[in-house]
C-alpha atoms as a PDB file:
ATOM      1  CA  MET A   1      85.418  82.778  68.646  1.00  0.00           C
ATOM      2  CA  ASN A   2      88.049  81.545  70.912  1.00  0.00           C
ATOM      3  CA  PHE A   3      89.017  83.587  73.915  1.00  0.00           C
ATOM      4  CA  SER A   4      92.418  83.216  75.324  1.00  0.00           C
ATOM      5  CA  ALA A   5      93.639  83.827  79.114  1.00  0.00           C
ATOM      6  CA  TYR A   6      94.742  87.212  77.945  1.00  0.00           C
ATOM      7  CA  ASN A   7      91.411  88.176  76.570  1.00  0.00           C
ATOM      8  CA  ILE A   8      89.661  87.228  79.728  1.00  0.00           C
ATOM      9  CA  LEU A   9      92.204  88.489  81.904  1.00  0.00           C
ATOM     10  CA  SER A  10      92.710  91.838  80.377  1.00  0.00           C
ATOM     11  CA  ALA A  11      89.102  92.788  80.378  1.00  0.00           C
ATOM     12  CA  LEU A  12      88.111  91.666  83.479  1.00  0.00           C
ATOM     13  CA  VAL A  13      90.713  92.476  85.875  1.00  0.00           C
ATOM     14  CA  PRO A  14      90.494  95.960  85.052  1.00  0.00           C
ATOM     15  CA  GLY A  15      86.781  95.958  84.513  1.00  0.00           C
ATOM     16  CA  PHE A  16      85.958  94.726  87.847  1.00  0.00           C
ATOM     17  CA  THR A  17      88.626  96.999  89.576  1.00  0.00           C
ATOM     18  CA  ILE A  18      86.975 100.054  88.226  1.00  0.00           C
ATOM     19  CA  LEU A  19      83.582  98.633  89.155  1.00  0.00           C
ATOM     20  CA  PHE A  20      84.949  98.102  92.820  1.00  0.00           C
ATOM     21  CA  LEU A  21      85.632 101.605  93.012  1.00  0.00           C
ATOM     22  CA  LEU A  22      82.243 102.776  91.425  1.00  0.00           C
ATOM     23  CA  PHE A  23      80.586 100.934  94.263  1.00  0.00           C
ATOM     24  CA  HIS A  24      82.861 102.280  96.761  1.00  0.00           C
ATOM     25  CA  PHE A  25      82.051 105.774  95.906  1.00  0.00           C
ATOM     26  CA  LYS A  26      78.428 104.832  95.504  1.00  0.00           C
ATOM     27  CA  TYR A  27      78.086 105.731  91.684  1.00  0.00           C
ATOM     28  CA  LEU A  28      76.637 102.223  91.533  1.00  0.00           C
ATOM     29  CA  ASP A  29      74.441 100.119  94.151  1.00  0.00           C
ATOM     30  CA  PHE A  30      75.836  96.466  94.426  1.00  0.00           C
ATOM     31  CA  SER A  31      73.265  94.021  94.327  1.00  0.00           C
ATOM     32  CA  GLU A  32      74.007  90.089  94.115  1.00  0.00           C
ATOM     33  CA  THR A  33      71.187  89.456  91.785  1.00  0.00           C
ATOM     34  CA  LEU A  34      72.954  91.260  89.088  1.00  0.00           C
ATOM     35  CA  VAL A  35      76.666  89.860  89.311  1.00  0.00           C
ATOM     36  CA  ILE A  36      75.855  88.199  85.664  1.00  0.00           C
ATOM     37  CA  PRO A  37      75.171  91.666  84.433  1.00  0.00           C
ATOM     38  CA  TYR A  38      78.003  93.308  86.471  1.00  0.00           C
ATOM     39  CA  THR A  39      80.152  90.697  84.926  1.00  0.00           C
ATOM     40  CA  ALA A  40      79.196  91.872  81.547  1.00  0.00           C
ATOM     41  CA  VAL A  41      79.864  95.442  82.216  1.00  0.00           C
ATOM     42  CA  ALA A  42      83.154  94.743  83.732  1.00  0.00           C
ATOM     43  CA  PHE A  43      83.903  92.743  80.659  1.00  0.00           C
ATOM     44  CA  VAL A  44      82.912  95.926  78.309  1.00  0.00           C
ATOM     45  CA  VAL A  45      84.684  98.244  80.650  1.00  0.00           C
ATOM     46  CA  GLY A  46      88.092  96.310  80.622  1.00  0.00           C
ATOM     47  CA  TYR A  47      87.678  95.789  76.850  1.00  0.00           C
ATOM     48  CA  PHE A  48      87.929  99.937  76.623  1.00  0.00           C
ATOM     49  CA  VAL A  49      90.696 100.019  78.974  1.00  0.00           C
ATOM     50  CA  ASN A  50      92.521  97.571  76.973  1.00  0.00           C
ATOM     51  CA  THR A  51      91.946  99.736  73.674  1.00  0.00           C
ATOM     52  CA  LEU A  52      92.845 102.641  75.499  1.00  0.00           C
ATOM     53  CA  SER A  53      95.987 101.246  76.877  1.00  0.00           C
ATOM     54  CA  SER A  54      97.109 100.447  73.200  1.00  0.00           C
ATOM     55  CA  TRP A  55      96.718 104.018  72.167  1.00  0.00           C
ATOM     56  CA  VAL A  56      98.593 105.507  74.841  1.00  0.00           C
ATOM     57  CA  GLU A  57     101.579 103.722  74.078  1.00  0.00           C
ATOM     58  CA  ASP A  58     103.700 106.695  72.625  1.00  0.00           C
ATOM     59  CA  ILE A  59     102.862 108.513  75.854  1.00  0.00           C
ATOM     60  CA  LEU A  60     104.685 105.380  77.659  1.00  0.00           C
ATOM     61  CA  HIS A  61     107.535 105.717  75.222  1.00  0.00           C
ATOM     62  CA  PHE A  62     107.780 109.279  76.146  1.00  0.00           C
ATOM     63  CA  THR A  63     108.093 108.745  79.569  1.00  0.00           C
ATOM     64  CA  TRP A  64     110.539 105.709  78.853  1.00  0.00           C
ATOM     65  CA  ASN A  65     112.800 107.971  76.767  1.00  0.00           C
ATOM     66  CA  GLY A  66     111.763 106.294  73.765  1.00  0.00           C
ATOM     67  CA  LYS A  67     110.819 103.255  72.125  1.00  0.00           C
ATOM     68  CA  PRO A  68     112.395  99.904  73.702  1.00  0.00           C
ATOM     69  CA  SER A  69     112.874  98.688  70.200  1.00  0.00           C
ATOM     70  CA  ASP A  70     114.967 101.894  69.382  1.00  0.00           C
ATOM     71  CA  ALA A  71     116.937 101.620  72.772  1.00  0.00           C
ATOM     72  CA  LEU A  72     118.036  98.090  72.070  1.00  0.00           C
ATOM     73  CA  LEU A  73     118.863  98.456  68.647  1.00  0.00           C
ATOM     74  CA  ASN A  74     121.207 101.193  69.649  1.00  0.00           C
ATOM     75  CA  GLY A  75     122.969  99.424  72.243  1.00  0.00           C
ATOM     76  CA  LYS A  76     121.245 100.928  75.084  1.00  0.00           C
ATOM     77  CA  SER A  77     119.824  98.739  78.129  1.00  0.00           C
ATOM     78  CA  ILE A  78     117.740  99.088  81.157  1.00  0.00           C
ATOM     79  CA  TRP A  79     117.969  97.558  84.795  1.00  0.00           C
ATOM     80  CA  LYS A  80     117.445  93.657  84.586  1.00  0.00           C
ATOM     81  CA  VAL A  81     117.325  93.774  80.681  1.00  0.00           C
ATOM     82  CA  ARG A  82     120.296  93.516  78.935  1.00  0.00           C
ATOM     83  CA  PHE A  83     121.149  92.891  75.020  1.00  0.00           C
ATOM     84  CA  TYR A  84     124.502  92.092  74.198  1.00  0.00           C
ATOM     85  CA  ASN A  85     124.081  91.404  70.555  1.00  0.00           C
ATOM     86  CA  SER A  86     122.551  94.788  69.266  1.00  0.00           C
ATOM     87  CA  GLU A  87     125.638  95.944  66.854  1.00  0.00           C
ATOM     88  CA  THR A  88     125.395  92.228  65.194  1.00  0.00           C
ATOM     89  CA  ALA A  89     121.206  92.683  65.140  1.00  0.00           C
ATOM     90  CA  ARG A  90     121.217  96.097  63.730  1.00  0.00           C
ATOM     91  CA  ASN A  91     123.997  95.149  61.148  1.00  0.00           C
ATOM     92  CA  GLU A  92     122.327  92.018  59.871  1.00  0.00           C
ATOM     93  CA  LEU A  93     118.841  93.724  59.777  1.00  0.00           C
ATOM     94  CA  ILE A  94     120.386  96.853  57.835  1.00  0.00           C
ATOM     95  CA  LYS A  95     121.366  94.360  55.337  1.00  0.00           C
ATOM     96  CA  GLU A  96     118.200  92.624  54.933  1.00  0.00           C
ATOM     97  CA  SER A  97     116.418  95.851  54.520  1.00  0.00           C
ATOM     98  CA  LYS A  98     118.497  96.894  51.343  1.00  0.00           C
ATOM     99  CA  LYS A  99     118.034 100.623  52.534  1.00  0.00           C
ATOM    100  CA  GLU A 100     121.244 102.776  53.151  1.00  0.00           C
ATOM    101  CA  THR A 101     119.395 104.307  56.004  1.00  0.00           C
ATOM    102  CA  PRO A 102     116.639 102.534  57.228  1.00  0.00           C
ATOM    103  CA  SER A 103     114.521 103.458  60.420  1.00  0.00           C
ATOM    104  CA  ASN A 104     114.792 101.510  63.608  1.00  0.00           C
ATOM    105  CA  ASP A 105     111.260 100.770  63.123  1.00  0.00           C
ATOM    106  CA  GLU A 106     111.756  99.126  59.695  1.00  0.00           C
ATOM    107  CA  LEU A 107     114.526  97.119  61.240  1.00  0.00           C
ATOM    108  CA  PHE A 108     112.359  95.868  64.115  1.00  0.00           C
ATOM    109  CA  GLN A 109     109.458  95.002  61.877  1.00  0.00           C
ATOM    110  CA  ILE A 110     112.017  92.971  59.825  1.00  0.00           C
ATOM    111  CA  ALA A 111     112.895  90.971  62.998  1.00  0.00           C
ATOM    112  CA  GLN A 112     109.161  90.591  63.941  1.00  0.00           C
ATOM    113  CA  ARG A 113     108.652  88.433  60.603  1.00  0.00           C
ATOM    114  CA  TYR A 114     111.086  86.075  61.939  1.00  0.00           C
ATOM    115  CA  SER A 115     109.450  85.669  65.571  1.00  0.00           C
ATOM    116  CA  SER A 116     105.848  85.979  64.504  1.00  0.00           C
ATOM    117  CA  THR A 117     104.880  82.400  65.310  1.00  0.00           C
ATOM    118  CA  ASN A 118     107.345  81.963  68.227  1.00  0.00           C
ATOM    119  CA  ASP A 119     105.345  80.979  71.445  1.00  0.00           C
ATOM    120  CA  LYS A 120     107.840  82.763  73.706  1.00  0.00           C
ATOM    121  CA  VAL A 121     107.393  85.732  71.761  1.00  0.00           C
ATOM    122  CA  ASN A 122     103.831  85.731  71.552  1.00  0.00           C
ATOM    123  CA  ASP A 123     103.813  85.206  75.460  1.00  0.00           C
ATOM    124  CA  LEU A 124     105.889  87.991  76.048  1.00  0.00           C
ATOM    125  CA  LEU A 125     103.736  90.455  73.868  1.00  0.00           C
ATOM    126  CA  SER A 126     100.605  89.200  75.591  1.00  0.00           C
ATOM    127  CA  ASN A 127     102.316  89.834  78.939  1.00  0.00           C
ATOM    128  CA  TYR A 128     103.423  93.301  77.914  1.00  0.00           C
ATOM    129  CA  ALA A 129     100.171  94.109  76.897  1.00  0.00           C
ATOM    130  CA  PHE A 130      98.627  93.140  80.064  1.00  0.00           C
ATOM    131  CA  SER A 131     101.205  95.353  82.027  1.00  0.00           C
ATOM    132  CA  ARG A 132      99.851  98.408  79.690  1.00  0.00           C
ATOM    133  CA  VAL A 133      96.257  97.674  80.798  1.00  0.00           C
ATOM    134  CA  ILE A 134      97.292  97.138  84.598  1.00  0.00           C
ATOM    135  CA  LEU A 135      99.205 100.240  84.708  1.00  0.00           C
ATOM    136  CA  LEU A 136      96.095 102.311  82.860  1.00  0.00           C
ATOM    137  CA  THR A 137      93.687 100.636  85.132  1.00  0.00           C
ATOM    138  CA  ILE A 138      95.819 102.149  88.065  1.00  0.00           C
ATOM    139  CA  VAL A 139      95.873 105.660  86.588  1.00  0.00           C
ATOM    140  CA  ILE A 140      91.797 105.381  86.214  1.00  0.00           C
ATOM    141  CA  CYS A 141      91.537 104.334  89.526  1.00  0.00           C
ATOM    142  CA  LEU A 142      93.820 107.225  90.900  1.00  0.00           C
ATOM    143  CA  VAL A 143      91.693 109.564  89.038  1.00  0.00           C
ATOM    144  CA  ILE A 144      88.443 108.294  90.562  1.00  0.00           C
ATOM    145  CA  ILE A 145      90.095 108.383  93.865  1.00  0.00           C
ATOM    146  CA  LEU A 146      91.460 111.933  93.732  1.00  0.00           C
ATOM    147  CA  THR A 147      87.856 113.262  92.125  1.00  0.00           C
ATOM    148  CA  ASN A 148      86.083 111.752  94.931  1.00  0.00           C
ATOM    149  CA  ASP A 149      88.204 111.907  98.386  1.00  0.00           C
ATOM    150  CA  HIS A 150      91.754 113.709  97.518  1.00  0.00           C
ATOM    151  CA  THR A 151      92.716 113.637 101.330  1.00  0.00           C
ATOM    152  CA  ASN A 152      92.115 109.544 101.565  1.00  0.00           C
ATOM    153  CA  TYR A 153      95.861 108.740 101.954  1.00  0.00           C
ATOM    154  CA  LYS A 154      95.151 105.390 102.562  1.00  0.00           C
ATOM    155  CA  LEU A 155      94.062 104.938  99.112  1.00  0.00           C
ATOM    156  CA  ILE A 156      96.006 107.552  97.246  1.00  0.00           C
ATOM    157  CA  ILE A 157      99.511 106.202  98.580  1.00  0.00           C
ATOM    158  CA  PRO A 158      99.165 102.396  97.956  1.00  0.00           C
ATOM    159  CA  CYS A 159      97.891 103.673  94.414  1.00  0.00           C
ATOM    160  CA  VAL A 160     100.893 105.742  93.702  1.00  0.00           C
ATOM    161  CA  ALA A 161     103.350 103.023  94.476  1.00  0.00           C
ATOM    162  CA  LEU A 162     101.377 100.520  92.693  1.00  0.00           C
ATOM    163  CA  PHE A 163     101.546 102.947  89.725  1.00  0.00           C
ATOM    164  CA  LEU A 164     105.359 103.315  89.895  1.00  0.00           C
ATOM    165  CA  ILE A 165     106.068  99.440  90.109  1.00  0.00           C
ATOM    166  CA  ALA A 166     103.552  98.985  87.437  1.00  0.00           C
ATOM    167  CA  TRP A 167     105.214 101.761  85.102  1.00  0.00           C
ATOM    168  CA  LEU A 168     108.626 100.147  85.695  1.00  0.00           C
ATOM    169  CA  ARG A 169     107.477  96.236  85.112  1.00  0.00           C
ATOM    170  CA  CYS A 170     105.363  97.894  81.766  1.00  0.00           C
ATOM    171  CA  LYS A 171     108.780  99.043  80.757  1.00  0.00           C
ATOM    172  CA  GLN A 172     110.705  95.903  81.464  1.00  0.00           C
ATOM    173  CA  MET A 173     108.238  93.764  79.839  1.00  0.00           C
ATOM    174  CA  GLY A 174     108.405  95.988  76.854  1.00  0.00           C
ATOM    175  CA  TYR A 175     112.132  95.603  76.512  1.00  0.00           C
ATOM    176  CA  TYR A 176     111.794  91.620  77.279  1.00  0.00           C
ATOM    177  CA  TYR A 177     109.519  91.344  74.339  1.00  0.00           C
ATOM    178  CA  VAL A 178     112.035  93.438  72.037  1.00  0.00           C
ATOM    179  CA  ARG A 179     115.091  91.447  73.362  1.00  0.00           C
ATOM    180  CA  GLU A 180     113.388  88.285  72.516  1.00  0.00           C
ATOM    181  CA  VAL A 181     112.113  89.405  68.923  1.00  0.00           C
ATOM    182  CA  LEU A 182     115.835  90.347  68.383  1.00  0.00           C
ATOM    183  CA  SER A 183     117.196  87.251  69.662  1.00  0.00           C
ATOM    184  CA  GLN A 184     115.032  84.874  67.697  1.00  0.00           C
ATOM    185  CA  TYR A 185     115.658  87.020  64.746  1.00  0.00           C
ATOM    186  CA  LEU A 186     119.369  86.188  65.022  1.00  0.00           C
ATOM    187  CA  ASN A 187     118.880  82.921  65.837  1.00  0.00           C
ATOM    188  CA  LYS A 188     116.764  82.321  62.774  1.00  0.00           C
ATOM    189  CA  HIS A 189     118.964  84.520  60.494  1.00  0.00           C
ATOM    190  CA  GLN A 190     122.242  82.447  61.438  1.00  0.00           C
ATOM    191  CA  SER A 191     120.266  79.220  61.000  1.00  0.00           C
ATOM    192  CA  LYS A 192     119.041  80.351  57.299  1.00  0.00           C
ATOM    193  CA  ASN A 193     122.620  81.376  56.559  1.00  0.00           C
ATOM    194  CA  ASN A 194     124.436  78.762  58.414  1.00  0.00           C
ATOM    195  CA  PRO A 195     122.346  75.096  57.384  1.00  0.00           C
ATOM    196  CA  LYS A 196     124.011  72.437  59.007  1.00  0.00           C
ATOM    197  CA  GLU A 197     125.644  69.923  56.372  1.00  0.00           C
ATOM    198  CA  GLY A 198     123.491  66.620  56.403  1.00  0.00           C
END
C-alpha cells in the first residue's frame, strides 16, 4: 500500500491537533516513551476525522448556498474564483448528456470523466479534501475547548477566527476544483471536436 503526502497529512495533522488538546485538558497523560503509540493513535483519530469531513459535505454546501458545481454551471462565481465559460460548458455538457433536462450533478460527472487523470485536477481535489479536514478539525477543537473551559477566550477567539478563515478557504478550494474540472472538459472536448490537421 502506497501512502501519498495527502494520506499522511490529512490524518496526522488533525490527529495530533486533537491529541494536543486532550493532553492540554488532561484527558490523557503525555509520556515521551509513548511517542510511537501516540503517533498511531493520532493517525487513527485523523483517519476518522477525514471520513467525517466527507460525510458533512452536504452541510458545507448548505452553508455555501449550494454546491460549487451548481453555482459555476449556473454562471455564478465567488470572490477570487471566476469562471467565464459557464454557458459554453453547460451547453456542451447538455448535448453530450443526450437528455432534455439533465441535472447539474449529471453534467458535472460527464466533465469529471474528461479530467479524472489530470494531475492539476487531482491536486486540487486533494487540497479541497484537506481543507475540509482542517475545517472539521477546528470545529472539533472548538467543541473540546468550549466543553472544558468556555471562558478561555485566549483559545476560543483564535479558534473562531481560524474557523472562519478555514470555512472560506474550503469553499474557495471547492470552487477551484470545479472550475478546473470544467476548464479541462472544455479543452479536451474542443480538441476532440476540432482535431488539428496533419
